[in-house]
Each structure stands twice: as structure tokens, then as C-alpha cells.
C-alpha atoms as a PDB file:
ATOM      1  CA  MET A   1      54.251 118.922 104.723  1.00  0.00           C
ATOM      2  CA  THR A   2      51.567 117.785 103.132  1.00  0.00           C
ATOM      3  CA  SER A   3      48.502 118.326 105.430  1.00  0.00           C
ATOM      4  CA  PRO A   4      45.887 115.484 106.735  1.00  0.00           C
ATOM      5  CA  LEU A   5      43.195 118.000 105.949  1.00  0.00           C
ATOM      6  CA  LEU A   6      43.803 116.880 102.120  1.00  0.00           C
ATOM      7  CA  ASP A   7      41.908 113.648 103.724  1.00  0.00           C
ATOM      8  CA  LEU A   8      38.606 116.033 104.230  1.00  0.00           C
ATOM      9  CA  PRO A   9      35.423 115.162 102.058  1.00  0.00           C
ATOM     10  CA  GLY A  10      35.828 116.824  98.924  1.00  0.00           C
ATOM     11  CA  ALA A  11      39.194 118.235  99.698  1.00  0.00           C
ATOM     12  CA  VAL A  12      41.609 119.356  95.928  1.00  0.00           C
ATOM     13  CA  ALA A  13      44.699 119.492  96.716  1.00  0.00           C
ATOM     14  CA  GLY A  14      46.873 122.881  95.696  1.00  0.00           C
ATOM     15  CA  ASN A  15      49.573 123.603  92.925  1.00  0.00           C
ATOM     16  CA  GLY A  16      52.701 125.196  93.268  1.00  0.00           C
ATOM     17  CA  ILE A  17      53.923 125.752  96.521  1.00  0.00           C
ATOM     18  CA  ASP A  18      50.422 125.637  98.295  1.00  0.00           C
ATOM     19  CA  GLY A  19      50.548 121.855  96.397  1.00  0.00           C
ATOM     20  CA  PRO A  20      50.280 120.438 100.405  1.00  0.00           C
ATOM     21  CA  VAL A  21      47.214 121.902 101.345  1.00  0.00           C
ATOM     22  CA  ALA A  22      43.701 121.721 100.098  1.00  0.00           C
ATOM     23  CA  ALA A  23      42.863 124.599  96.611  1.00  0.00           C
ATOM     24  CA  HIS A  24      39.417 123.907  97.697  1.00  0.00           C
ATOM     25  CA  TYR A  25      36.827 121.754  99.557  1.00  0.00           C
ATOM     26  CA  GLY A  26      33.894 121.611  96.106  1.00  0.00           C
ATOM     27  CA  SER A  27      32.848 125.462  96.695  1.00  0.00           C
ATOM     28  CA  LEU A  28      35.569 128.238  95.379  1.00  0.00           C
ATOM     29  CA  TYR A  29      32.930 130.694  95.528  1.00  0.00           C
ATOM     30  CA  GLY A  30      30.912 129.017  98.548  1.00  0.00           C
ATOM     31  CA  GLU A  31      33.733 129.156 100.749  1.00  0.00           C
ATOM     32  CA  GLN A  32      34.806 132.867  99.844  1.00  0.00           C
ATOM     33  CA  ARG A  33      31.160 133.903 101.086  1.00  0.00           C
ATOM     34  CA  LEU A  34      31.649 131.925 104.339  1.00  0.00           C
ATOM     35  CA  LEU A  35      35.141 133.569 104.549  1.00  0.00           C
ATOM     36  CA  ASP A  36      33.762 136.875 103.986  1.00  0.00           C
ATOM     37  CA  THR A  37      30.960 136.390 106.521  1.00  0.00           C
ATOM     38  CA  GLY A  38      33.782 135.535 109.563  1.00  0.00           C
ATOM     39  CA  GLU A  39      32.910 131.493 109.513  1.00  0.00           C
ATOM     40  CA  GLY A  40      35.072 129.059 108.432  1.00  0.00           C
ATOM     41  CA  PHE A  41      38.737 128.256 108.058  1.00  0.00           C
ATOM     42  CA  VAL A  42      41.608 128.140 105.707  1.00  0.00           C
ATOM     43  CA  ASP A  43      44.405 125.420 105.913  1.00  0.00           C
ATOM     44  CA  LEU A  44      47.720 127.628 105.373  1.00  0.00           C
ATOM     45  CA  SER A  45      49.655 124.194 107.456  1.00  0.00           C
ATOM     46  CA  HIS A  46      52.472 124.421 103.832  1.00  0.00           C
ATOM     47  CA  ARG A  47      54.128 127.909 105.667  1.00  0.00           C
ATOM     48  CA  ASP A  48      57.000 127.908 107.287  1.00  0.00           C
ATOM     49  CA  VAL A  49      57.099 128.735 111.043  1.00  0.00           C
ATOM     50  CA  PHE A  50      60.277 129.986 113.199  1.00  0.00           C
ATOM     51  CA  ARG A  51      60.340 131.196 116.778  1.00  0.00           C
ATOM     52  CA  VAL A  52      62.832 133.685 118.787  1.00  0.00           C
ATOM     53  CA  THR A  53      62.830 133.122 122.460  1.00  0.00           C
ATOM     54  CA  GLY A  54      64.843 134.900 125.047  1.00  0.00           C
ATOM     55  CA  PRO A  55      64.801 137.975 127.122  1.00  0.00           C
ATOM     56  CA  ASP A  56      65.834 140.232 124.184  1.00  0.00           C
ATOM     57  CA  ARG A  57      63.452 138.751 121.716  1.00  0.00           C
ATOM     58  CA  LEU A  58      61.913 141.704 121.166  1.00  0.00           C
ATOM     59  CA  THR A  59      64.126 144.613 121.305  1.00  0.00           C
ATOM     60  CA  TRP A  60      66.695 142.437 118.870  1.00  0.00           C
ATOM     61  CA  LEU A  61      64.186 141.874 116.639  1.00  0.00           C
ATOM     62  CA  HIS A  62      63.044 145.348 116.610  1.00  0.00           C
ATOM     63  CA  SER A  63      66.597 146.300 115.677  1.00  0.00           C
ATOM     64  CA  LEU A  64      66.430 144.043 112.840  1.00  0.00           C
ATOM     65  CA  THR A  65      63.386 144.793 110.971  1.00  0.00           C
ATOM     66  CA  THR A  66      61.241 147.252 109.310  1.00  0.00           C
ATOM     67  CA  GLN A  67      58.693 147.055 112.675  1.00  0.00           C
ATOM     68  CA  HIS A  68      58.254 148.405 115.936  1.00  0.00           C
ATOM     69  CA  LEU A  69      58.603 145.363 117.695  1.00  0.00           C
ATOM     70  CA  GLU A  70      60.042 146.528 121.463  1.00  0.00           C
ATOM     71  CA  ALA A  71      56.761 147.395 123.099  1.00  0.00           C
ATOM     72  CA  LEU A  72      54.998 145.018 121.178  1.00  0.00           C
ATOM     73  CA  ALA A  73      51.907 143.375 123.474  1.00  0.00           C
ATOM     74  CA  PRO A  74      50.998 139.833 123.978  1.00  0.00           C
ATOM     75  CA  LYS A  75      48.652 138.315 121.512  1.00  0.00           C
ATOM     76  CA  GLN A  76      48.961 141.268 119.038  1.00  0.00           C
ATOM     77  CA  TRP A  77      49.828 139.869 115.454  1.00  0.00           C
ATOM     78  CA  ILE A  78      52.143 142.228 113.557  1.00  0.00           C
ATOM     79  CA  GLY A  79      53.555 141.967 109.966  1.00  0.00           C
ATOM     80  CA  ALA A  80      57.590 142.390 109.698  1.00  0.00           C
ATOM     81  CA  LEU A  81      60.199 142.894 107.162  1.00  0.00           C
ATOM     82  CA  VAL A  82      63.961 141.989 106.744  1.00  0.00           C
ATOM     83  CA  LEU A  83      65.757 144.806 104.133  1.00  0.00           C
ATOM     84  CA  SER A  84      68.770 144.677 102.075  1.00  0.00           C
ATOM     85  CA  PRO A  85      71.277 147.650 102.866  1.00  0.00           C
ATOM     86  CA  GLN A  86      69.729 149.062  99.842  1.00  0.00           C
ATOM     87  CA  GLY A  87      66.569 148.875 100.888  1.00  0.00           C
ATOM     88  CA  HIS A  88      64.988 145.941  98.872  1.00  0.00           C
ATOM     89  CA  VAL A  89      62.586 143.509 100.549  1.00  0.00           C
ATOM     90  CA  GLU A  90      64.760 140.003 101.501  1.00  0.00           C
ATOM     91  CA  HIS A  91      62.425 138.430 104.042  1.00  0.00           C
ATOM     92  CA  ALA A  92      58.461 138.937 105.107  1.00  0.00           C
ATOM     93  CA  PHE A  93      56.868 137.211 108.335  1.00  0.00           C
ATOM     94  CA  VAL A  94      53.565 137.787 110.146  1.00  0.00           C
ATOM     95  CA  GLY A  95      54.108 137.013 113.692  1.00  0.00           C
ATOM     96  CA  VAL A  96      52.885 137.246 117.788  1.00  0.00           C
ATOM     97  CA  ASP A  97      54.493 137.428 120.789  1.00  0.00           C
ATOM     98  CA  ASP A  98      53.251 135.344 123.974  1.00  0.00           C
ATOM     99  CA  GLY A  99      54.903 137.477 126.551  1.00  0.00           C
ATOM    100  CA  GLU A 100      57.770 134.539 126.359  1.00  0.00           C
ATOM    101  CA  SER A 101      58.485 133.690 122.714  1.00  0.00           C
ATOM    102  CA  PHE A 102      58.058 135.296 119.677  1.00  0.00           C
ATOM    103  CA  THR A 103      56.447 133.192 116.745  1.00  0.00           C
ATOM    104  CA  ALA A 104      56.004 133.900 113.331  1.00  0.00           C
ATOM    105  CA  HIS A 105      55.287 132.410 109.547  1.00  0.00           C
ATOM    106  CA  THR A 106      56.643 133.157 106.237  1.00  0.00           C
ATOM    107  CA  GLU A 107      56.098 131.465 103.130  1.00  0.00           C
ATOM    108  CA  PRO A 108      56.936 127.722 102.387  1.00  0.00           C
ATOM    109  CA  GLY A 109      60.389 127.221 102.346  1.00  0.00           C
ATOM    110  CA  ALA A 110      61.636 130.533 103.405  1.00  0.00           C
ATOM    111  CA  ALA A 111      62.238 129.433 106.987  1.00  0.00           C
ATOM    112  CA  ALA A 112      65.370 127.954 106.229  1.00  0.00           C
ATOM    113  CA  ALA A 113      67.392 130.824 105.220  1.00  0.00           C
ATOM    114  CA  LEU A 114      65.254 133.420 107.472  1.00  0.00           C
ATOM    115  CA  VAL A 115      66.561 132.064 110.558  1.00  0.00           C
ATOM    116  CA  ALA A 116      70.014 131.367 109.045  1.00  0.00           C
ATOM    117  CA  TRP A 117      69.911 134.963 108.796  1.00  0.00           C
ATOM    118  CA  LEU A 118      69.139 135.772 111.716  1.00  0.00           C
ATOM    119  CA  ASP A 119      71.582 133.545 114.161  1.00  0.00           C
ATOM    120  CA  ARG A 120      73.737 134.931 112.531  1.00  0.00           C
ATOM    121  CA  MET A 121      72.938 138.372 113.664  1.00  0.00           C
ATOM    122  CA  ARG A 122      72.443 137.118 117.508  1.00  0.00           C
ATOM    123  CA  PHE A 123      76.278 138.445 118.821  1.00  0.00           C
ATOM    124  CA  MET A 124      76.104 138.573 122.089  1.00  0.00           C
ATOM    125  CA  MET A 125      72.251 139.478 122.341  1.00  0.00           C
ATOM    126  CA  ARG A 126      70.520 136.663 124.793  1.00  0.00           C
ATOM    127  CA  VAL A 127      67.735 135.128 122.203  1.00  0.00           C
ATOM    128  CA  GLU A 128      67.637 131.254 120.743  1.00  0.00           C
ATOM    129  CA  VAL A 129      66.052 131.283 116.656  1.00  0.00           C
ATOM    130  CA  THR A 130      64.420 128.133 115.661  1.00  0.00           C
ATOM    131  CA  ASP A 131      62.446 126.510 112.977  1.00  0.00           C
ATOM    132  CA  VAL A 132      59.263 124.747 114.680  1.00  0.00           C
ATOM    133  CA  THR A 133      58.049 124.071 111.094  1.00  0.00           C
ATOM    134  CA  ALA A 134      57.728 120.309 112.281  1.00  0.00           C
ATOM    135  CA  GLU A 135      55.609 121.019 115.559  1.00  0.00           C
ATOM    136  CA  LEU A 136      53.635 124.541 114.550  1.00  0.00           C
ATOM    137  CA  ALA A 137      50.797 124.321 111.805  1.00  0.00           C
ATOM    138  CA  VAL A 138      49.086 127.982 110.948  1.00  0.00           C
ATOM    139  CA  THR A 139      45.552 128.145 109.908  1.00  0.00           C
ATOM    140  CA  TRP A 140      43.246 131.604 109.482  1.00  0.00           C
ATOM    141  CA  ARG A 141      40.473 131.738 110.628  1.00  0.00           C
ATOM    142  CA  PRO A 142      38.220 135.432 110.090  1.00  0.00           C
ATOM    143  CA  SER A 143      36.503 134.688 113.639  1.00  0.00           C
ATOM    144  CA  SER A 144      39.091 135.516 115.683  1.00  0.00           C
ATOM    145  CA  ALA A 145      40.507 138.804 113.991  1.00  0.00           C
ATOM    146  CA  PRO A 146      38.208 142.255 115.785  1.00  0.00           C
ATOM    147  CA  SER A 147      37.778 143.696 112.374  1.00  0.00           C
ATOM    148  CA  ALA A 148      38.254 143.399 108.771  1.00  0.00           C
ATOM    149  CA  THR A 149      39.679 146.591 108.738  1.00  0.00           C
ATOM    150  CA  ASP A 150      42.983 145.301 110.449  1.00  0.00           C
ATOM    151  CA  PRO A 151      45.924 145.763 108.457  1.00  0.00           C
ATOM    152  CA  GLY A 152      46.006 141.889 106.577  1.00  0.00           C
ATOM    153  CA  TRP A 153      43.394 140.478 109.321  1.00  0.00           C
ATOM    154  CA  TYR A 154      46.861 139.270 111.124  1.00  0.00           C
ATOM    155  CA  ASP A 155      44.920 138.247 113.754  1.00  0.00           C
ATOM    156  CA  ALA A 156      42.930 135.844 112.030  1.00  0.00           C
ATOM    157  CA  TYR A 157      45.864 133.915 111.870  1.00  0.00           C
ATOM    158  CA  GLU A 158      46.597 131.128 114.214  1.00  0.00           C
ATOM    159  CA  LEU A 159      49.219 128.581 115.833  1.00  0.00           C
ATOM    160  CA  VAL A 160      47.850 125.200 116.146  1.00  0.00           C
ATOM    161  CA  PRO A 161      50.529 121.750 117.249  1.00  0.00           C
ATOM    162  CA  ARG A 162      50.986 120.376 114.159  1.00  0.00           C
ATOM    163  CA  ASP A 163      50.099 116.824 115.283  1.00  0.00           C
ATOM    164  CA  GLN A 164      46.079 118.095 116.669  1.00  0.00           C
ATOM    165  CA  LEU A 165      45.410 120.321 113.154  1.00  0.00           C
ATOM    166  CA  THR A 166      42.682 117.334 112.875  1.00  0.00           C
ATOM    167  CA  THR A 167      41.343 117.757 115.806  1.00  0.00           C
ATOM    168  CA  TYR A 168      41.334 121.895 115.752  1.00  0.00           C
ATOM    169  CA  ALA A 169      39.687 121.368 111.900  1.00  0.00           C
ATOM    170  CA  ASP A 170      36.984 119.366 113.747  1.00  0.00           C
ATOM    171  CA  ALA A 171      36.491 122.353 116.210  1.00  0.00           C
ATOM    172  CA  ALA A 172      36.749 125.052 114.041  1.00  0.00           C
ATOM    173  CA  GLY A 173      35.004 123.988 110.504  1.00  0.00           C
ATOM    174  CA  PRO A 174      33.331 124.468 107.158  1.00  0.00           C
ATOM    175  CA  ALA A 175      37.023 124.528 105.640  1.00  0.00           C
ATOM    176  CA  ALA A 176      37.818 127.184 103.191  1.00  0.00           C
ATOM    177  CA  GLY A 177      40.639 126.301 100.490  1.00  0.00           C
ATOM    178  CA  THR A 178      43.133 128.363  99.710  1.00  0.00           C
ATOM    179  CA  TRP A 179      41.602 129.623  96.308  1.00  0.00           C
ATOM    180  CA  ALA A 180      38.966 130.926  98.518  1.00  0.00           C
ATOM    181  CA  PHE A 181      41.746 132.799 100.903  1.00  0.00           C
ATOM    182  CA  GLU A 182      43.784 133.844  98.254  1.00  0.00           C
ATOM    183  CA  ALA A 183      41.110 135.913  95.948  1.00  0.00           C
ATOM    184  CA  LEU A 184      40.169 137.644  99.047  1.00  0.00           C
ATOM    185  CA  ARG A 185      43.748 138.177  99.986  1.00  0.00           C
ATOM    186  CA  ILE A 186      44.103 139.849  96.380  1.00  0.00           C
ATOM    187  CA  ALA A 187      40.991 141.561  96.396  1.00  0.00           C
ATOM    188  CA  ARG A 188      42.549 143.454  99.750  1.00  0.00           C
ATOM    189  CA  GLY A 189      45.217 144.506  97.127  1.00  0.00           C
ATOM    190  CA  GLU A 190      47.421 142.398 100.282  1.00  0.00           C
ATOM    191  CA  PRO A 191      51.059 141.375  98.306  1.00  0.00           C
ATOM    192  CA  ARG A 192      52.485 137.578  98.691  1.00  0.00           C
ATOM    193  CA  PHE A 193      56.156 137.979  99.110  1.00  0.00           C
ATOM    194  CA  GLY A 194      58.232 136.012  96.155  1.00  0.00           C
ATOM    195  CA  LEU A 195      55.066 136.218  93.953  1.00  0.00           C
ATOM    196  CA  ASP A 196      53.672 139.647  93.838  1.00  0.00           C
ATOM    197  CA  THR A 197      57.068 141.119  94.401  1.00  0.00           C
ATOM    198  CA  ASP A 198      60.424 140.357  93.374  1.00  0.00           C
ATOM    199  CA  GLU A 199      64.259 141.276  94.176  1.00  0.00           C
ATOM    200  CA  ARG A 200      63.904 144.375  93.275  1.00  0.00           C
ATOM    201  CA  THR A 201      61.122 145.376  95.567  1.00  0.00           C
ATOM    202  CA  ILE A 202      61.447 147.879  98.138  1.00  0.00           C
ATOM    203  CA  PRO A 203      58.035 148.099 100.986  1.00  0.00           C
ATOM    204  CA  ASN A 204      56.916 151.451  99.144  1.00  0.00           C
ATOM    205  CA  GLU A 205      56.326 149.643  96.192  1.00  0.00           C
ATOM    206  CA  ALA A 206      54.193 147.109  97.206  1.00  0.00           C
ATOM    207  CA  GLY A 207      51.878 148.800 100.347  1.00  0.00           C
ATOM    208  CA  TRP A 208      53.815 147.711 102.983  1.00  0.00           C
ATOM    209  CA  ILE A 209      54.045 151.123 104.789  1.00  0.00           C
ATOM    210  CA  GLY A 210      52.173 151.148 107.842  1.00  0.00           C
ATOM    211  CA  PRO A 211      51.238 146.956 107.976  1.00  0.00           C
ATOM    212  CA  SER A 212      54.792 146.183 108.104  1.00  0.00           C
ATOM    213  CA  VAL A 213      57.050 149.381 108.444  1.00  0.00           C
ATOM    214  CA  HIS A 214      57.031 151.725 111.389  1.00  0.00           C
ATOM    215  CA  LEU A 215      57.913 155.116 109.904  1.00  0.00           C
ATOM    216  CA  GLU A 216      58.724 156.438 113.308  1.00  0.00           C
ATOM    217  CA  LYS A 217      61.057 153.219 115.193  1.00  0.00           C
ATOM    218  CA  GLY A 218      64.650 154.267 114.720  1.00  0.00           C
ATOM    219  CA  CYS A 219      67.099 152.996 112.328  1.00  0.00           C
ATOM    220  CA  TYR A 220      67.189 149.212 110.469  1.00  0.00           C
ATOM    221  CA  ARG A 221      68.918 148.022 107.562  1.00  0.00           C
ATOM    222  CA  GLY A 222      67.648 149.592 104.389  1.00  0.00           C
ATOM    223  CA  GLN A 223      66.055 152.465 106.323  1.00  0.00           C
ATOM    224  CA  GLU A 224      67.640 155.244 104.166  1.00  0.00           C
ATOM    225  CA  THR A 225      66.233 153.843 101.086  1.00  0.00           C
ATOM    226  CA  VAL A 226      62.299 153.723 102.730  1.00  0.00           C
ATOM    227  CA  ALA A 227      62.653 157.386 104.294  1.00  0.00           C
ATOM    228  CA  ARG A 228      63.719 158.722 100.965  1.00  0.00           C
ATOM    229  CA  VAL A 229      61.649 157.335  98.767  1.00  0.00           C
ATOM    230  CA  HIS A 230      58.372 158.033 101.069  1.00  0.00           C
ATOM    231  CA  THR A 231      59.501 161.668 101.688  1.00  0.00           C
ATOM    232  CA  LEU A 232      61.027 162.867  98.863  1.00  0.00           C
ATOM    233  CA  GLY A 233      60.234 160.854  95.796  1.00  0.00           C
ATOM    234  CA  ARG A 234      57.491 158.653  94.958  1.00  0.00           C
ATOM    235  CA  PRO A 235      58.190 154.702  94.287  1.00  0.00           C
ATOM    236  CA  PRO A 236      59.750 153.471  91.392  1.00  0.00           C
ATOM    237  CA  ARG A 237      56.810 151.057  90.574  1.00  0.00           C
ATOM    238  CA  ARG A 238      53.335 150.787  92.293  1.00  0.00           C
ATOM    239  CA  LEU A 239      51.343 147.345  93.324  1.00  0.00           C
ATOM    240  CA  THR A 240      48.291 147.331  91.463  1.00  0.00           C
ATOM    241  CA  LEU A 241      45.220 145.446  91.681  1.00  0.00           C
ATOM    242  CA  LEU A 242      44.055 144.327  88.305  1.00  0.00           C
ATOM    243  CA  HIS A 243      40.797 143.538  86.808  1.00  0.00           C
ATOM    244  CA  LEU A 244      40.843 140.770  84.214  1.00  0.00           C
ATOM    245  CA  ASP A 245      38.610 140.251  81.307  1.00  0.00           C
ATOM    246  CA  GLY A 246      36.918 137.198  82.484  1.00  0.00           C
ATOM    247  CA  SER A 247      35.533 136.318  78.806  1.00  0.00           C
ATOM    248  CA  GLU A 248      38.698 133.425  78.607  1.00  0.00           C
ATOM    249  CA  ASN A 249      38.331 130.701  81.122  1.00  0.00           C
ATOM    250  CA  ARG A 250      42.012 131.432  82.690  1.00  0.00           C
ATOM    251  CA  LEU A 251      44.402 132.671  84.585  1.00  0.00           C
ATOM    252  CA  PRO A 252      47.466 134.609  83.995  1.00  0.00           C
ATOM    253  CA  ALA A 253      51.143 132.831  84.700  1.00  0.00           C
ATOM    254  CA  VAL A 254      52.705 134.905  87.441  1.00  0.00           C
ATOM    255  CA  GLY A 255      55.550 136.900  86.203  1.00  0.00           C
ATOM    256  CA  SER A 256      54.167 137.417  82.738  1.00  0.00           C
ATOM    257  CA  ASP A 257      54.695 140.350  81.188  1.00  0.00           C
ATOM    258  CA  ILE A 258      52.421 143.414  81.202  1.00  0.00           C
ATOM    259  CA  THR A 259      51.747 146.070  78.286  1.00  0.00           C
ATOM    260  CA  VAL A 260      49.536 148.957  77.381  1.00  0.00           C
ATOM    261  CA  ALA A 261      46.782 147.823  75.320  1.00  0.00           C
ATOM    262  CA  GLY A 262      46.919 148.705  71.799  1.00  0.00           C
ATOM    263  CA  GLU A 263      50.462 150.322  71.993  1.00  0.00           C
ATOM    264  CA  ALA A 264      52.630 149.911  68.982  1.00  0.00           C
ATOM    265  CA  GLY A 265      55.901 148.328  70.195  1.00  0.00           C
ATOM    266  CA  GLY A 266      54.324 145.983  73.114  1.00  0.00           C
ATOM    267  CA  LYS A 267      56.756 147.882  75.514  1.00  0.00           C
ATOM    268  CA  VAL A 268      56.411 146.163  78.667  1.00  0.00           C
ATOM    269  CA  ILE A 269      55.552 148.131  81.969  1.00  0.00           C
ATOM    270  CA  GLY A 270      55.975 145.793  84.662  1.00  0.00           C
ATOM    271  CA  ARG A 271      55.004 141.824  85.502  1.00  0.00           C
ATOM    272  CA  VAL A 272      51.893 140.259  86.905  1.00  0.00           C
ATOM    273  CA  GLY A 273      51.919 138.333  90.438  1.00  0.00           C
ATOM    274  CA  THR A 274      49.300 136.007  92.020  1.00  0.00           C
ATOM    275  CA  SER A 275      45.981 135.927  90.508  1.00  0.00           C
ATOM    276  CA  ALA A 276      42.556 134.287  91.314  1.00  0.00           C
ATOM    277  CA  ARG A 277      38.412 134.404  90.771  1.00  0.00           C
ATOM    278  CA  HIS A 278      36.437 136.631  93.378  1.00  0.00           C
ATOM    279  CA  HIS A 279      33.071 135.789  94.017  1.00  0.00           C
ATOM    280  CA  GLU A 280      31.852 139.350  93.159  1.00  0.00           C
ATOM    281  CA  LEU A 281      34.677 140.948  91.710  1.00  0.00           C
ATOM    282  CA  GLY A 282      35.255 138.250  89.150  1.00  0.00           C
ATOM    283  CA  PRO A 283      39.098 137.134  87.595  1.00  0.00           C
ATOM    284  CA  ILE A 284      41.180 139.336  89.490  1.00  0.00           C
ATOM    285  CA  ALA A 285      44.996 140.003  89.902  1.00  0.00           C
ATOM    286  CA  LEU A 286      47.913 141.982  91.456  1.00  0.00           C
ATOM    287  CA  ALA A 287      51.035 143.725  89.680  1.00  0.00           C
ATOM    288  CA  LEU A 288      53.974 145.677  89.622  1.00  0.00           C
ATOM    289  CA  LEU A 289      53.843 148.204  87.398  1.00  0.00           C
ATOM    290  CA  LYS A 290      55.901 151.480  86.501  1.00  0.00           C
ATOM    291  CA  ARG A 291      55.338 154.141  88.682  1.00  0.00           C
ATOM    292  CA  ASN A 292      54.520 156.607  85.391  1.00  0.00           C
ATOM    293  CA  VAL A 293      52.496 153.831  84.114  1.00  0.00           C
ATOM    294  CA  ASP A 294      48.536 155.964  83.364  1.00  0.00           C
ATOM    295  CA  VAL A 295      46.276 154.815  86.077  1.00  0.00           C
ATOM    296  CA  ALA A 296      43.552 154.724  83.248  1.00  0.00           C
ATOM    297  CA  ALA A 297      44.800 152.566  80.811  1.00  0.00           C
ATOM    298  CA  THR A 298      44.015 149.253  79.879  1.00  0.00           C
ATOM    299  CA  LEU A 299      46.551 146.940  79.867  1.00  0.00           C
ATOM    300  CA  GLU A 300      47.507 143.438  78.546  1.00  0.00           C
ATOM    301  CA  VAL A 301      49.236 140.884  80.130  1.00  0.00           C
ATOM    302  CA  ASP A 302      49.249 137.063  78.997  1.00  0.00           C
ATOM    303  CA  GLY A 303      46.858 137.385  76.385  1.00  0.00           C
ATOM    304  CA  LEU A 304      44.240 139.043  79.071  1.00  0.00           C
ATOM    305  CA  VAL A 305      42.794 142.601  78.516  1.00  0.00           C
ATOM    306  CA  ALA A 306      42.655 143.794  82.089  1.00  0.00           C
ATOM    307  CA  ALA A 307      41.788 147.361  84.284  1.00  0.00           C
ATOM    308  CA  GLN A 308      43.417 148.784  86.768  1.00  0.00           C
ATOM    309  CA  GLU A 309      42.337 149.866  90.410  1.00  0.00           C
ATOM    310  CA  VAL A 310      45.080 151.649  92.321  1.00  0.00           C
ATOM    311  CA  VAL A 311      46.611 150.019  95.219  1.00  0.00           C
ATOM    312  CA  VAL A 312      49.788 152.443  95.851  1.00  0.00           C
ATOM    313  CA  ASP A 313      49.297 155.658  94.952  1.00  0.00           C
ATOM    314  CA  PRO A 314      52.031 156.930  92.198  1.00  0.00           C
ATOM    315  CA  GLU A 315      52.380 159.910  93.659  1.00  0.00           C
ATOM    316  CA  VAL A 316      52.263 159.074  97.277  1.00  0.00           C
ATOM    317  CA  GLY A 317      55.804 161.012  98.160  1.00  0.00           C
ATOM    318  CA  LEU A 318      54.048 163.834  96.972  1.00  0.00           C
ATOM    319  CA  HIS A 319      51.252 163.906  99.782  1.00  0.00           C
ATOM    320  CA  VAL A 320      53.836 163.789 102.597  1.00  0.00           C
ATOM    321  CA  ARG A 321      56.605 166.014 100.951  1.00  0.00           C
ATOM    322  CA  PRO A 322      57.880 168.723 103.616  1.00  0.00           C
ATOM    323  CA  ARG A 323      56.607 172.236 102.425  1.00  0.00           C
ATOM    324  CA  ARG A 324      58.108 175.816 102.682  1.00  0.00           C
END
């Protein structure tokens, strides 16, 4: 859905799946600094929204997802995943319960498949699942988050009646675009489902243990893979923050192959995800790399040289491995 806020002064539409909202309003770095100080808001109204109602909603979602939801307090935002039986991430969402219903948002275009899957899993539970994208819009306002240390700043998300989005903007402004939002997200090392991940991604690789995966909640589909990698092994790949060479005025394309710079043969050791220009760090990107790639190695992606900053520790499994 194209946002009415594209009519705001200076608004420039994004591209790709972020095309329906503003990429910026004329000042990329100024908008980043604005959000960094806890001011302003971001229009994310192109994201899909779904709602789960019924007295069994939290117990039911608790049994299906990676997150501990059965005792979720009202108004607490939280992330959760749905995994395949092999532990691969199939769906990711961030939601909040108001005491009567659980409402969550996911990537643009992703709600239909998720709602259909959830609907098939209802069985005898007293729940109803509805796609409410046409009714509710997502925004992100850092002033509503209690602290910058909250996982993903999830509490900074807000749900606004779609027909009141313009009125909301008048009260919450000034507006910042998705380019500013994405730059801060990437700098936090927070992956975006489907862009920084692929069909083989398991939560351990993407830094989702903690923010979206609760390790002591009991059984759920795909749990065995998550537990095995966490306690006994090492993630096959690791999410990494790349600091890109800024001498060229461009960013790498999503999905571009990554190699070790100067290494003969150009063996592919990973793929790049989202990228952005950060107001302090310069050009940055997230990437999934093979676990055994030297963390000090200089890399090359789409013709650009890049240094690494660890997000997911390649030896994370060793830190929790039981000792005899």
C-alpha cells in the first residue's frame, strides 16, 4: 500500500519492497542523527500486519513459535520466529499483546502465507487469525522505547489506524525515512528476514538467540536444531557487520557473493544482505559468512573491499558447551 506520507515535503520514495514509503525526506544523515537522539518517527506502513484473537492465543502461539509467549505481559513488544522441522527460519515477526489480542507485523507481502499457515494449525484452539494490513499501519518512534538496549528497539514500534496515519505524522514529526532507519538497524547488527537471511538460515546464525528465540520455553518445531547448535556445536554460518570501502559511491547488491580479498580462485565464502550509509560508520552491510572464515580477513563483495565486525561469534557453541 502506497503511504499517504509520500505527500510530505521532500519525500522521496524508496525502492524494491520498501518502495511504498519514503526512503528519505531530503536529509539522510540528518534524519539518522534525529532518530539517534530519540526524536522523530519512521513510516513503515508498507509492512504487513496480522492479529490473533481468542482466549487461547498466547498459549497457542507459545507452542508454535520460538518465543516464550504464554505469560507475555500486555504492551510488551517481542520478536518470534516460525521454523521448519529442520530448524530453518520460515517466518519472522514482531508483535504485542493488549490483553485481548496479539497483533504483529512482518515483511511486506509476508502475512498471507503466515496467516494461512497459522490458520491450518488452529485445530481445537479458541483462536482466530486475521490479516489486518488494510486497517493498521506500522511506525517506529524511538521516543517510545524505554532504552536503546532493548533487543531491536522493539518497543519503539507503534500500530496506527491506517486512516489516521496523516494525523499521527502531524503529531509525531519530524519524519525520517527508511534509509535512516535501515542504517541504524544494520549498525545494531539486527537482520531483516528474507534480505539478510535465506531459506537455509537457522536462528543461531543470525543472532536471533535471545531477541526472538527463548532457550528455556519447551518444545516447538525445529527446536532440536537450535538446541544442538547452541549447546554442542557451532553455527554453520555467522552474521557479520561489514565496513565497506567508501571510495566508490555505491553499495553492493543484495545477494552478491563474498570472497576473501586477494585470495586465488575467488572461492565464495558468503553472501551480502542489506547495506546502508551510516552517518558515523560510513557504508556498512550485513552478511552471512561461513563460520570458519578468519574474522580478521579482508573481504571483497561486488568489487568493494570490506572489513569485518563480529555480530555472531563463530565459537558461540563453545561458550555454553557442558564441561565434564
